[in-house]
Amino acid sequence: MNNKILEFSSISKKVFMALAGLFLIVFLLVHLTINLFLLLGDGGKLFTASAHFMSTNPVIKIFEVFLFGGFILHIIIGILLTLKNWASRPVGYNQSNKSKTAFFSKYMIWTGLIVFTFLAIHMMNFYFVKLGLVQPPDGVGKHEFYQMTILLFSNKVYSSIYIVLLIILGFHLNHAFKAAFQTLGLNHNKYNCTIGFLGTAYSIIVAGGFIIIPIYFMFFF
């Protein structure tokens, strides 16, 4: 009975992690769309209007709670599952087991922690500033996100680090997209190739879309 409970608990964790991951995947597309307004050349008017709407709309504020909860749930379950997998490995696993699993599949926990670091930096520079928990840069108001973006991405060191972290995010998303479908039992030989293609396309579009923004402000603004 205890084994069945533990097995169910493990499966439940994987399902919740997959659902939280898919939720975050949808959010990233919305977030990218708004951020691409920065490239319109209108002085940030549409971006600022969108950011103001996202900051003041009560429905969005409620959504933010679920979003933050989704991030925390995804991270905690990912760590718990990884620790469980490590604990269940036989003695001598590292020396004798030659896994054929893809590199970024084997090291999802590490790419995930790097993504978490990226998220923490991003939130400190924008979201926590909006909440008043972090002081905005000198001469910039806490709701002047367009000016904050210009200031941050004009710094080539910051932008270069940001781009590297986004590349790692892309690899993480590529595996996460496919793994979520597999965990939820939605994979099938007939359309696994399609799921794989969509996962790769999604990760390239999202990571590439975000990467374009610092490149624009470093070299073309």
C-alpha atoms as a PDB file:
ATOM      1  CA  MET A   1       0.000   0.000   0.000  1.00  0.00           C
ATOM      2  CA  ASN A   2       2.792   2.390   0.966  1.00  0.00           C
ATOM      3  CA  ASN A   3       4.553   1.706  -2.336  1.00  0.00           C
ATOM      4  CA  LYS A   4       1.351   2.473  -4.237  1.00  0.00           C
ATOM      5  CA  ILE A   5       0.939   5.725  -2.315  1.00  0.00           C
ATOM      6  CA  LEU A   6       4.535   6.720  -3.006  1.00  0.00           C
ATOM      7  CA  GLU A   7       4.163   5.795  -6.684  1.00  0.00           C
ATOM      8  CA  PHE A   8       0.962   7.835  -6.961  1.00  0.00           C
ATOM      9  CA  SER A   9       2.672  10.731  -5.201  1.00  0.00           C
ATOM     10  CA  SER A  10       5.549  10.619  -7.686  1.00  0.00           C
ATOM     11  CA  ILE A  11       3.186  10.486 -10.669  1.00  0.00           C
ATOM     12  CA  SER A  12       1.114  13.333  -9.211  1.00  0.00           C
ATOM     13  CA  LYS A  13       4.226  15.476  -8.846  1.00  0.00           C
ATOM     14  CA  LYS A  14       5.156  14.877 -12.480  1.00  0.00           C
ATOM     15  CA  VAL A  15       1.632  15.729 -13.673  1.00  0.00           C
ATOM     16  CA  PHE A  16       1.476  18.910 -11.595  1.00  0.00           C
ATOM     17  CA  MET A  17       4.933  19.884 -12.839  1.00  0.00           C
ATOM     18  CA  ALA A  18       3.883  19.291 -16.463  1.00  0.00           C
ATOM     19  CA  LEU A  19       0.680  21.330 -16.054  1.00  0.00           C
ATOM     20  CA  ALA A  20       2.549  24.165 -14.361  1.00  0.00           C
ATOM     21  CA  GLY A  21       5.130  24.040 -17.153  1.00  0.00           C
ATOM     22  CA  LEU A  22       2.469  24.277 -19.879  1.00  0.00           C
ATOM     23  CA  PHE A  23       0.894  27.194 -18.027  1.00  0.00           C
ATOM     24  CA  LEU A  24       4.253  28.986 -17.997  1.00  0.00           C
ATOM     25  CA  ILE A  25       4.780  28.170 -21.680  1.00  0.00           C
ATOM     26  CA  VAL A  26       1.557  30.022 -22.562  1.00  0.00           C
ATOM     27  CA  PHE A  27       2.544  32.937 -20.323  1.00  0.00           C
ATOM     28  CA  LEU A  28       5.914  33.323 -22.051  1.00  0.00           C
ATOM     29  CA  LEU A  29       4.219  33.755 -25.421  1.00  0.00           C
ATOM     30  CA  VAL A  30       2.020  36.543 -24.032  1.00  0.00           C
ATOM     31  CA  HIS A  31       4.990  38.145 -22.291  1.00  0.00           C
ATOM     32  CA  LEU A  32       7.071  37.999 -25.477  1.00  0.00           C
ATOM     33  CA  THR A  33       4.288  39.603 -27.530  1.00  0.00           C
ATOM     34  CA  ILE A  34       4.126  42.585 -25.170  1.00  0.00           C
ATOM     35  CA  ASN A  35       7.915  42.931 -25.058  1.00  0.00           C
ATOM     36  CA  LEU A  36       8.174  42.949 -28.849  1.00  0.00           C
ATOM     37  CA  PHE A  37       6.204  46.224 -28.778  1.00  0.00           C
ATOM     38  CA  LEU A  38       9.552  47.724 -27.712  1.00  0.00           C
ATOM     39  CA  LEU A  39      10.744  47.336 -31.312  1.00  0.00           C
ATOM     40  CA  LEU A  40       7.957  49.339 -32.937  1.00  0.00           C
ATOM     41  CA  GLY A  41       9.878  52.622 -32.920  1.00  0.00           C
ATOM     42  CA  ASP A  42       6.967  54.584 -31.424  1.00  0.00           C
ATOM     43  CA  GLY A  43       8.924  55.818 -28.422  1.00  0.00           C
ATOM     44  CA  GLY A  44       7.567  52.984 -26.297  1.00  0.00           C
ATOM     45  CA  LYS A  45       3.959  54.215 -26.392  1.00  0.00           C
ATOM     46  CA  LEU A  46       2.270  50.869 -27.061  1.00  0.00           C
ATOM     47  CA  PHE A  47       4.654  49.028 -24.753  1.00  0.00           C
ATOM     48  CA  THR A  48       4.060  51.554 -21.967  1.00  0.00           C
ATOM     49  CA  ALA A  49       0.284  51.357 -22.428  1.00  0.00           C
ATOM     50  CA  SER A  50       0.419  47.560 -22.306  1.00  0.00           C
ATOM     51  CA  ALA A  51       2.684  47.582 -19.248  1.00  0.00           C
ATOM     52  CA  HIS A  52       0.349  50.047 -17.512  1.00  0.00           C
ATOM     53  CA  PHE A  53      -2.627  47.808 -18.261  1.00  0.00           C
ATOM     54  CA  MET A  54      -0.782  44.759 -16.928  1.00  0.00           C
ATOM     55  CA  SER A  55       0.204  46.683 -13.778  1.00  0.00           C
ATOM     56  CA  THR A  56      -3.201  48.115 -12.906  1.00  0.00           C
ATOM     57  CA  ASN A  57      -5.823  45.645 -14.147  1.00  0.00           C
ATOM     58  CA  PRO A  58      -7.302  43.719 -11.158  1.00  0.00           C
ATOM     59  CA  VAL A  59      -7.775  40.543 -13.212  1.00  0.00           C
ATOM     60  CA  ILE A  60      -4.087  40.598 -14.164  1.00  0.00           C
ATOM     61  CA  LYS A  61      -3.143  41.070 -10.502  1.00  0.00           C
ATOM     62  CA  ILE A  62      -5.063  37.907  -9.612  1.00  0.00           C
ATOM     63  CA  PHE A  63      -3.414  36.126 -12.542  1.00  0.00           C
ATOM     64  CA  GLU A  64      -0.011  37.189 -11.190  1.00  0.00           C
ATOM     65  CA  VAL A  65      -0.689  35.252  -7.984  1.00  0.00           C
ATOM     66  CA  PHE A  66      -1.376  32.065  -9.969  1.00  0.00           C
ATOM     67  CA  LEU A  67       1.627  32.764 -12.184  1.00  0.00           C
ATOM     68  CA  PHE A  68       3.953  33.153  -9.207  1.00  0.00           C
ATOM     69  CA  GLY A  69       2.440  30.023  -7.673  1.00  0.00           C
ATOM     70  CA  GLY A  70       3.016  28.167 -10.942  1.00  0.00           C
ATOM     71  CA  PHE A  71       6.693  29.148 -10.955  1.00  0.00           C
ATOM     72  CA  ILE A  72       7.193  28.098  -7.331  1.00  0.00           C
ATOM     73  CA  LEU A  73       5.316  24.817  -7.831  1.00  0.00           C
ATOM     74  CA  HIS A  74       7.310  24.002 -10.960  1.00  0.00           C
ATOM     75  CA  ILE A  75      10.631  24.714  -9.234  1.00  0.00           C
ATOM     76  CA  ILE A  76       9.891  22.866  -5.979  1.00  0.00           C
ATOM     77  CA  ILE A  77       8.515  19.752  -7.692  1.00  0.00           C
ATOM     78  CA  GLY A  78      11.421  19.729 -10.138  1.00  0.00           C
ATOM     79  CA  ILE A  79      13.910  19.758  -7.264  1.00  0.00           C
ATOM     80  CA  LEU A  80      12.009  17.058  -5.330  1.00  0.00           C
ATOM     81  CA  LEU A  81      11.798  14.752  -8.346  1.00  0.00           C
ATOM     82  CA  THR A  82      15.495  15.235  -9.114  1.00  0.00           C
ATOM     83  CA  LEU A  83      16.509  14.453  -5.517  1.00  0.00           C
ATOM     84  CA  LYS A  84      14.284  11.344  -5.594  1.00  0.00           C
ATOM     85  CA  ASN A  85      15.883  10.193  -8.857  1.00  0.00           C
ATOM     86  CA  TRP A  86      19.372  10.735  -7.487  1.00  0.00           C
ATOM     87  CA  ALA A  87      18.525   8.831  -4.296  1.00  0.00           C
ATOM     88  CA  SER A  88      17.173   5.866  -6.276  1.00  0.00           C
ATOM     89  CA  ARG A  89      20.262   5.466  -8.455  1.00  0.00           C
ATOM     90  CA  PRO A  90      22.236   2.260  -7.799  1.00  0.00           C
ATOM     91  CA  VAL A  91      25.738   2.420  -6.360  1.00  0.00           C
ATOM     92  CA  GLY A  92      28.301   2.989  -9.099  1.00  0.00           C
ATOM     93  CA  TYR A  93      25.731   4.583 -11.398  1.00  0.00           C
ATOM     94  CA  ASN A  94      28.030   7.440 -12.406  1.00  0.00           C
ATOM     95  CA  GLN A  95      30.824   5.110 -13.381  1.00  0.00           C
ATOM     96  CA  SER A  96      28.932   2.342 -15.165  1.00  0.00           C
ATOM     97  CA  ASN A  97      25.712   3.832 -16.539  1.00  0.00           C
ATOM     98  CA  LYS A  98      26.158   5.281 -20.003  1.00  0.00           C
ATOM     99  CA  SER A  99      22.858   7.094 -20.466  1.00  0.00           C
ATOM    100  CA  LYS A 100      21.702   7.776 -23.998  1.00  0.00           C
ATOM    101  CA  THR A 101      19.467  10.605 -22.810  1.00  0.00           C
ATOM    102  CA  ALA A 102      20.127  13.964 -24.450  1.00  0.00           C
ATOM    103  CA  PHE A 103      22.443  16.306 -22.570  1.00  0.00           C
ATOM    104  CA  PHE A 104      19.816  18.917 -21.714  1.00  0.00           C
ATOM    105  CA  SER A 105      17.389  16.197 -20.657  1.00  0.00           C
ATOM    106  CA  LYS A 106      19.926  14.777 -18.189  1.00  0.00           C
ATOM    107  CA  TYR A 107      20.752  18.209 -16.821  1.00  0.00           C
ATOM    108  CA  MET A 108      17.286  19.799 -16.738  1.00  0.00           C
ATOM    109  CA  ILE A 109      17.681  20.553 -13.023  1.00  0.00           C
ATOM    110  CA  TRP A 110      20.783  22.626 -13.719  1.00  0.00           C
ATOM    111  CA  THR A 111      19.355  24.494 -16.702  1.00  0.00           C
ATOM    112  CA  GLY A 112      16.236  25.025 -14.578  1.00  0.00           C
ATOM    113  CA  LEU A 113      18.252  26.565 -11.748  1.00  0.00           C
ATOM    114  CA  ILE A 114      20.027  28.819 -14.255  1.00  0.00           C
ATOM    115  CA  VAL A 115      16.625  29.857 -15.620  1.00  0.00           C
ATOM    116  CA  PHE A 116      15.524  30.573 -12.041  1.00  0.00           C
ATOM    117  CA  THR A 117      18.584  32.810 -11.614  1.00  0.00           C
ATOM    118  CA  PHE A 118      17.645  34.602 -14.832  1.00  0.00           C
ATOM    119  CA  LEU A 119      14.087  35.007 -13.560  1.00  0.00           C
ATOM    120  CA  ALA A 120      15.285  36.407 -10.227  1.00  0.00           C
ATOM    121  CA  ILE A 121      17.473  39.006 -11.974  1.00  0.00           C
ATOM    122  CA  HIS A 122      14.660  39.932 -14.349  1.00  0.00           C
ATOM    123  CA  MET A 123      12.149  40.335 -11.520  1.00  0.00           C
ATOM    124  CA  MET A 124      14.560  42.465  -9.483  1.00  0.00           C
ATOM    125  CA  ASN A 125      15.056  44.811 -12.423  1.00  0.00           C
ATOM    126  CA  PHE A 126      11.376  45.161 -13.331  1.00  0.00           C
ATOM    127  CA  TYR A 127       8.699  43.446 -11.247  1.00  0.00           C
ATOM    128  CA  PHE A 128      10.136  44.205  -7.806  1.00  0.00           C
ATOM    129  CA  VAL A 129      10.758  47.792  -8.911  1.00  0.00           C
ATOM    130  CA  LYS A 130       7.073  48.069  -9.827  1.00  0.00           C
ATOM    131  CA  LEU A 131       6.124  46.786  -6.363  1.00  0.00           C
ATOM    132  CA  GLY A 132       8.457  49.288  -4.704  1.00  0.00           C
ATOM    133  CA  LEU A 133      10.649  46.536  -3.213  1.00  0.00           C
ATOM    134  CA  VAL A 134      13.677  47.634  -5.262  1.00  0.00           C
ATOM    135  CA  GLN A 135      14.652  51.191  -6.058  1.00  0.00           C
ATOM    136  CA  PRO A 136      14.492  52.130  -9.769  1.00  0.00           C
ATOM    137  CA  PRO A 137      17.590  53.516 -11.512  1.00  0.00           C
ATOM    138  CA  ASP A 138      18.368  57.196 -10.877  1.00  0.00           C
ATOM    139  CA  GLY A 139      16.071  59.500 -12.787  1.00  0.00           C
ATOM    140  CA  VAL A 140      13.600  56.735 -13.715  1.00  0.00           C
ATOM    141  CA  GLY A 141      10.170  56.286 -12.141  1.00  0.00           C
ATOM    142  CA  LYS A 142       9.117  52.870 -10.875  1.00  0.00           C
ATOM    143  CA  HIS A 143       6.525  52.533 -13.644  1.00  0.00           C
ATOM    144  CA  GLU A 144       8.728  53.825 -16.484  1.00  0.00           C
ATOM    145  CA  PHE A 145       9.491  50.373 -17.876  1.00  0.00           C
ATOM    146  CA  TYR A 146      10.486  51.635 -21.310  1.00  0.00           C
ATOM    147  CA  GLN A 147      13.207  53.853 -19.852  1.00  0.00           C
ATOM    148  CA  MET A 148      14.361  51.026 -17.578  1.00  0.00           C
ATOM    149  CA  THR A 149      14.651  48.741 -20.594  1.00  0.00           C
ATOM    150  CA  ILE A 150      16.722  51.266 -22.547  1.00  0.00           C
ATOM    151  CA  LEU A 151      19.036  51.792 -19.578  1.00  0.00           C
ATOM    152  CA  LEU A 152      19.570  48.091 -18.886  1.00  0.00           C
ATOM    153  CA  PHE A 153      19.970  46.859 -22.460  1.00  0.00           C
ATOM    154  CA  SER A 154      22.275  49.710 -23.411  1.00  0.00           C
ATOM    155  CA  ASN A 155      24.740  48.023 -21.053  1.00  0.00           C
ATOM    156  CA  LYS A 156      26.518  45.468 -23.246  1.00  0.00           C
ATOM    157  CA  VAL A 157      27.740  43.372 -20.297  1.00  0.00           C
ATOM    158  CA  TYR A 158      24.217  43.044 -18.891  1.00  0.00           C
ATOM    159  CA  SER A 159      22.771  42.339 -22.348  1.00  0.00           C
ATOM    160  CA  SER A 160      25.409  39.707 -23.131  1.00  0.00           C
ATOM    161  CA  ILE A 161      24.673  37.841 -19.885  1.00  0.00           C
ATOM    162  CA  TYR A 162      20.943  38.189 -20.611  1.00  0.00           C
ATOM    163  CA  ILE A 163      21.406  36.655 -24.077  1.00  0.00           C
ATOM    164  CA  VAL A 164      23.427  33.690 -22.756  1.00  0.00           C
ATOM    165  CA  LEU A 165      20.760  32.986 -20.115  1.00  0.00           C
ATOM    166  CA  LEU A 166      18.046  33.164 -22.782  1.00  0.00           C
ATOM    167  CA  ILE A 167      19.890  30.590 -24.916  1.00  0.00           C
ATOM    168  CA  ILE A 168      19.910  28.245 -21.911  1.00  0.00           C
ATOM    169  CA  LEU A 169      16.203  29.020 -21.407  1.00  0.00           C
ATOM    170  CA  GLY A 170      15.611  27.964 -25.015  1.00  0.00           C
ATOM    171  CA  PHE A 171      17.208  24.543 -24.453  1.00  0.00           C
ATOM    172  CA  HIS A 172      15.225  24.140 -21.218  1.00  0.00           C
ATOM    173  CA  LEU A 173      11.952  24.996 -22.962  1.00  0.00           C
ATOM    174  CA  ASN A 174      12.687  22.666 -25.865  1.00  0.00           C
ATOM    175  CA  HIS A 175      12.920  19.636 -23.601  1.00  0.00           C
ATOM    176  CA  ALA A 176      10.181  20.839 -21.216  1.00  0.00           C
ATOM    177  CA  PHE A 177       7.651  21.224 -24.042  1.00  0.00           C
ATOM    178  CA  LYS A 178       8.121  17.625 -25.200  1.00  0.00           C
ATOM    179  CA  ALA A 179       8.384  16.206 -21.675  1.00  0.00           C
ATOM    180  CA  ALA A 180       5.101  17.819 -20.626  1.00  0.00           C
ATOM    181  CA  PHE A 181       3.191  16.036 -23.408  1.00  0.00           C
ATOM    182  CA  GLN A 182       4.878  12.754 -22.535  1.00  0.00           C
ATOM    183  CA  THR A 183       4.075  13.102 -18.821  1.00  0.00           C
ATOM    184  CA  LEU A 184       0.425  13.852 -19.560  1.00  0.00           C
ATOM    185  CA  GLY A 185       0.194  10.806 -21.838  1.00  0.00           C
ATOM    186  CA  LEU A 186      -0.430  12.915 -24.931  1.00  0.00           C
ATOM    187  CA  ASN A 187       2.488  11.554 -26.924  1.00  0.00           C
ATOM    188  CA  HIS A 188       1.971   8.978 -29.664  1.00  0.00           C
ATOM    189  CA  ASN A 189       4.144   7.570 -32.425  1.00  0.00           C
ATOM    190  CA  LYS A 190       1.867   9.162 -35.010  1.00  0.00           C
ATOM    191  CA  TYR A 191       2.479  12.712 -33.840  1.00  0.00           C
ATOM    192  CA  ASN A 192       5.626  12.612 -31.687  1.00  0.00           C
ATOM    193  CA  CYS A 193       7.532  14.180 -34.583  1.00  0.00           C
ATOM    194  CA  THR A 194       4.991  17.011 -34.701  1.00  0.00           C
ATOM    195  CA  ILE A 195       5.276  17.567 -30.948  1.00  0.00           C
ATOM    196  CA  GLY A 196       9.060  17.581 -31.282  1.00  0.00           C
ATOM    197  CA  PHE A 197       8.903  20.082 -34.134  1.00  0.00           C
ATOM    198  CA  LEU A 198       6.496  22.348 -32.228  1.00  0.00           C
ATOM    199  CA  GLY A 199       8.695  22.189 -29.132  1.00  0.00           C
ATOM    200  CA  THR A 200      11.795  23.155 -31.095  1.00  0.00           C
ATOM    201  CA  ALA A 201       9.941  25.891 -33.006  1.00  0.00           C
ATOM    202  CA  TYR A 202       8.445  27.269 -29.788  1.00  0.00           C
ATOM    203  CA  SER A 203      11.800  27.383 -27.971  1.00  0.00           C
ATOM    204  CA  ILE A 204      13.501  29.102 -30.923  1.00  0.00           C
ATOM    205  CA  ILE A 205      10.693  31.660 -31.309  1.00  0.00           C
ATOM    206  CA  VAL A 206      10.509  32.495 -27.590  1.00  0.00           C
ATOM    207  CA  ALA A 207      14.244  32.561 -26.842  1.00  0.00           C
ATOM    208  CA  GLY A 208      15.045  34.210 -30.186  1.00  0.00           C
ATOM    209  CA  GLY A 209      12.270  36.772 -29.762  1.00  0.00           C
ATOM    210  CA  PHE A 210      13.555  37.842 -26.374  1.00  0.00           C
ATOM    211  CA  ILE A 211      17.170  37.888 -27.623  1.00  0.00           C
ATOM    212  CA  ILE A 212      16.278  40.314 -30.416  1.00  0.00           C
ATOM    213  CA  ILE A 213      15.320  42.965 -27.838  1.00  0.00           C
ATOM    214  CA  PRO A 214      18.739  43.490 -26.152  1.00  0.00           C
ATOM    215  CA  ILE A 215      20.447  43.250 -29.559  1.00  0.00           C
ATOM    216  CA  TYR A 216      18.183  46.025 -30.831  1.00  0.00           C
ATOM    217  CA  PHE A 217      18.961  48.340 -27.924  1.00  0.00           C
ATOM    218  CA  MET A 218      22.700  47.583 -28.009  1.00  0.00           C
ATOM    219  CA  PHE A 219      23.269  48.169 -31.716  1.00  0.00           C
ATOM    220  CA  PHE A 220      20.264  49.718 -33.463  1.00  0.00           C
ATOM    221  CA  PHE A 221      18.574  52.056 -30.987  1.00  0.00           C
END
